[in-house]
Every structure is written in structure tokens, then in C-alpha cells.
C-alpha atoms as a PDB file:
ATOM      1  CA  MET A   1       9.543   9.073   1.612  1.00  0.00           C
ATOM      2  CA  ILE A   2       5.915   9.811   0.815  1.00  0.00           C
ATOM      3  CA  GLU A   3       2.908   8.106   2.372  1.00  0.00           C
ATOM      4  CA  LEU A   4       0.978   6.445  -0.405  1.00  0.00           C
ATOM      5  CA  LEU A   5      -1.550   4.413   1.543  1.00  0.00           C
ATOM      6  CA  ARG A   6      -2.710   4.084   5.144  1.00  0.00           C
ATOM      7  CA  THR A   7      -4.722   1.022   6.068  1.00  0.00           C
ATOM      8  CA  ASN A   8      -5.554  -1.487   8.781  1.00  0.00           C
ATOM      9  CA  ASP A   9      -6.262  -4.127   6.137  1.00  0.00           C
ATOM     10  CA  PRO A  10      -3.284  -6.471   5.673  1.00  0.00           C
ATOM     11  CA  VAL A  11      -4.721  -7.835   2.415  1.00  0.00           C
ATOM     12  CA  THR A  12      -4.933  -4.356   0.860  1.00  0.00           C
ATOM     13  CA  LEU A  13      -1.424  -3.585   2.042  1.00  0.00           C
ATOM     14  CA  SER A  14      -0.027  -6.823   0.632  1.00  0.00           C
ATOM     15  CA  TRP A  15      -1.831  -6.282  -2.694  1.00  0.00           C
ATOM     16  CA  ALA A  16      -0.522  -2.727  -3.039  1.00  0.00           C
ATOM     17  CA  ARG A  17       3.043  -3.747  -2.168  1.00  0.00           C
ATOM     18  CA  ALA A  18       3.017  -6.605  -4.671  1.00  0.00           C
ATOM     19  CA  LEU A  19       1.591  -4.394  -7.416  1.00  0.00           C
ATOM     20  CA  LEU A  20       4.181  -1.672  -6.892  1.00  0.00           C
ATOM     21  CA  GLU A  21       7.126  -3.999  -6.457  1.00  0.00           C
ATOM     22  CA  GLU A  22       6.144  -5.807  -9.671  1.00  0.00           C
ATOM     23  CA  ALA A  23       6.394  -2.406 -11.382  1.00  0.00           C
ATOM     24  CA  GLY A  24       9.871  -1.885  -9.929  1.00  0.00           C
ATOM     25  CA  ILE A  25       8.817   0.574  -7.219  1.00  0.00           C
ATOM     26  CA  ASP A  26      10.399  -0.109  -3.836  1.00  0.00           C
ATOM     27  CA  THR A  27       8.059   0.167  -0.864  1.00  0.00           C
ATOM     28  CA  LEU A  28       8.486   0.431   2.866  1.00  0.00           C
ATOM     29  CA  VAL A  29       5.813  -0.176   5.500  1.00  0.00           C
ATOM     30  CA  PHE A  30       5.831   2.094   8.549  1.00  0.00           C
ATOM     31  CA  ASP A  31       4.124   1.084  11.799  1.00  0.00           C
ATOM     32  CA  GLU A  32       4.243  -2.608  10.917  1.00  0.00           C
ATOM     33  CA  GLN A  33       5.852  -3.602  14.223  1.00  0.00           C
ATOM     34  CA  THR A  34       3.536  -1.401  16.275  1.00  0.00           C
ATOM     35  CA  SER A  35       0.528  -2.833  14.500  1.00  0.00           C
ATOM     36  CA  ALA A  36       1.703  -6.362  15.265  1.00  0.00           C
ATOM     37  CA  LEU A  37       2.087  -5.549  18.967  1.00  0.00           C
ATOM     38  CA  GLU A  38      -1.416  -4.184  19.323  1.00  0.00           C
ATOM     39  CA  GLY A  39      -2.978  -7.532  18.468  1.00  0.00           C
ATOM     40  CA  SER A  40      -6.155  -7.864  16.479  1.00  0.00           C
ATOM     41  CA  ILE A  41      -7.875  -4.597  17.422  1.00  0.00           C
ATOM     42  CA  GLY A  42      -6.557  -2.776  14.332  1.00  0.00           C
ATOM     43  CA  ALA A  43      -6.297   0.642  15.960  1.00  0.00           C
ATOM     44  CA  ILE A  44      -2.980   1.591  14.386  1.00  0.00           C
ATOM     45  CA  ALA A  45      -2.935   1.757  10.616  1.00  0.00           C
ATOM     46  CA  ARG A  46       0.129   0.759   8.651  1.00  0.00           C
ATOM     47  CA  ARG A  47       1.547   3.268   6.184  1.00  0.00           C
ATOM     48  CA  LEU A  48       2.853   2.255   2.778  1.00  0.00           C
ATOM     49  CA  MET A  49       5.701   4.554   1.811  1.00  0.00           C
ATOM     50  CA  VAL A  50       7.481   5.136  -1.508  1.00  0.00           C
ATOM     51  CA  ARG A  51      10.278   7.421  -2.604  1.00  0.00           C
ATOM     52  CA  GLU A  52       9.092  10.910  -3.423  1.00  0.00           C
ATOM     53  CA  GLU A  53      10.248  10.695  -7.036  1.00  0.00           C
ATOM     54  CA  GLU A  54       8.137   7.546  -7.550  1.00  0.00           C
ATOM     55  CA  ALA A  55       4.987   8.722  -5.752  1.00  0.00           C
ATOM     56  CA  SER A  56       3.096  10.016  -8.811  1.00  0.00           C
ATOM     57  CA  ARG A  57       3.671   6.820 -10.790  1.00  0.00           C
ATOM     58  CA  ALA A  58       2.799   4.675  -7.769  1.00  0.00           C
ATOM     59  CA  ARG A  59      -0.481   6.553  -7.216  1.00  0.00           C
ATOM     60  CA  TRP A  60      -1.325   6.192 -10.889  1.00  0.00           C
ATOM     61  CA  LEU A  61      -0.683   2.439 -10.797  1.00  0.00           C
ATOM     62  CA  LEU A  62      -2.827   1.938  -7.695  1.00  0.00           C
ATOM     63  CA  ASP A  63      -5.655   4.061  -9.102  1.00  0.00           C
ATOM     64  CA  ARG A  64      -5.593   2.182 -12.402  1.00  0.00           C
ATOM     65  CA  ALA A  65      -5.601  -1.197 -10.659  1.00  0.00           C
ATOM     66  CA  ARG A  66      -8.531  -0.174  -8.439  1.00  0.00           C
ATOM     67  CA  ARG A  67     -10.511   0.971 -11.496  1.00  0.00           C
ATOM     68  CA  GLU A  68      -9.815  -2.329 -13.250  1.00  0.00           C
ATOM     69  CA  ILE A  69     -11.011  -4.250 -10.204  1.00  0.00           C
ATOM     70  CA  GLU A  70     -14.176  -2.150 -10.004  1.00  0.00           C
ATOM     71  CA  ASP A  71     -14.780  -2.735 -13.716  1.00  0.00           C
ATOM     72  CA  GLY A  72     -14.281  -6.477 -13.237  1.00  0.00           C
ATOM     73  CA  HIS A  73     -11.210  -6.794 -15.477  1.00  0.00           C
ATOM     74  CA  ARG A  74      -8.990  -8.502 -12.895  1.00  0.00           C
END
């Protein structure tokens, strides 16, 4: 597994997971339980993981989606 994204923002994490899963890329979130235990302080980031063979495509999809958002196309 390869770390694709590390964030304390649950909205960003949910968005990235939905985008990748819609493209057929399975994801796994590490540190989700630890993050839930810490409460609302947000000190422990969650890590979005993908299989190594899908990492390049997943990065490309996230980068493209971010550019589209910045350009106002979504």
C-alpha cells in the first residue's frame, strides 16, 4: 500500500475516497480509529492508502480533480 494523501480534514478525505472509488480504485484509511479517539483536536492525520500498482493513476485523478475545482469547472 502507498500513502496517497495525509489530512486532518474529514471532508477532503471523504471527497478523495469517493472520487477514487468511483474510478474503481479501492482505498483504505489508516489511523481512522486513532483519529476518532483523539476527539476534535485533529493532531493525528488520517492516511489515504491505495495499492502500489494504482498509485500513479490515483494521483493523476486527484490532481486533475483539484485543477478542475481551482478552475471552477466542478
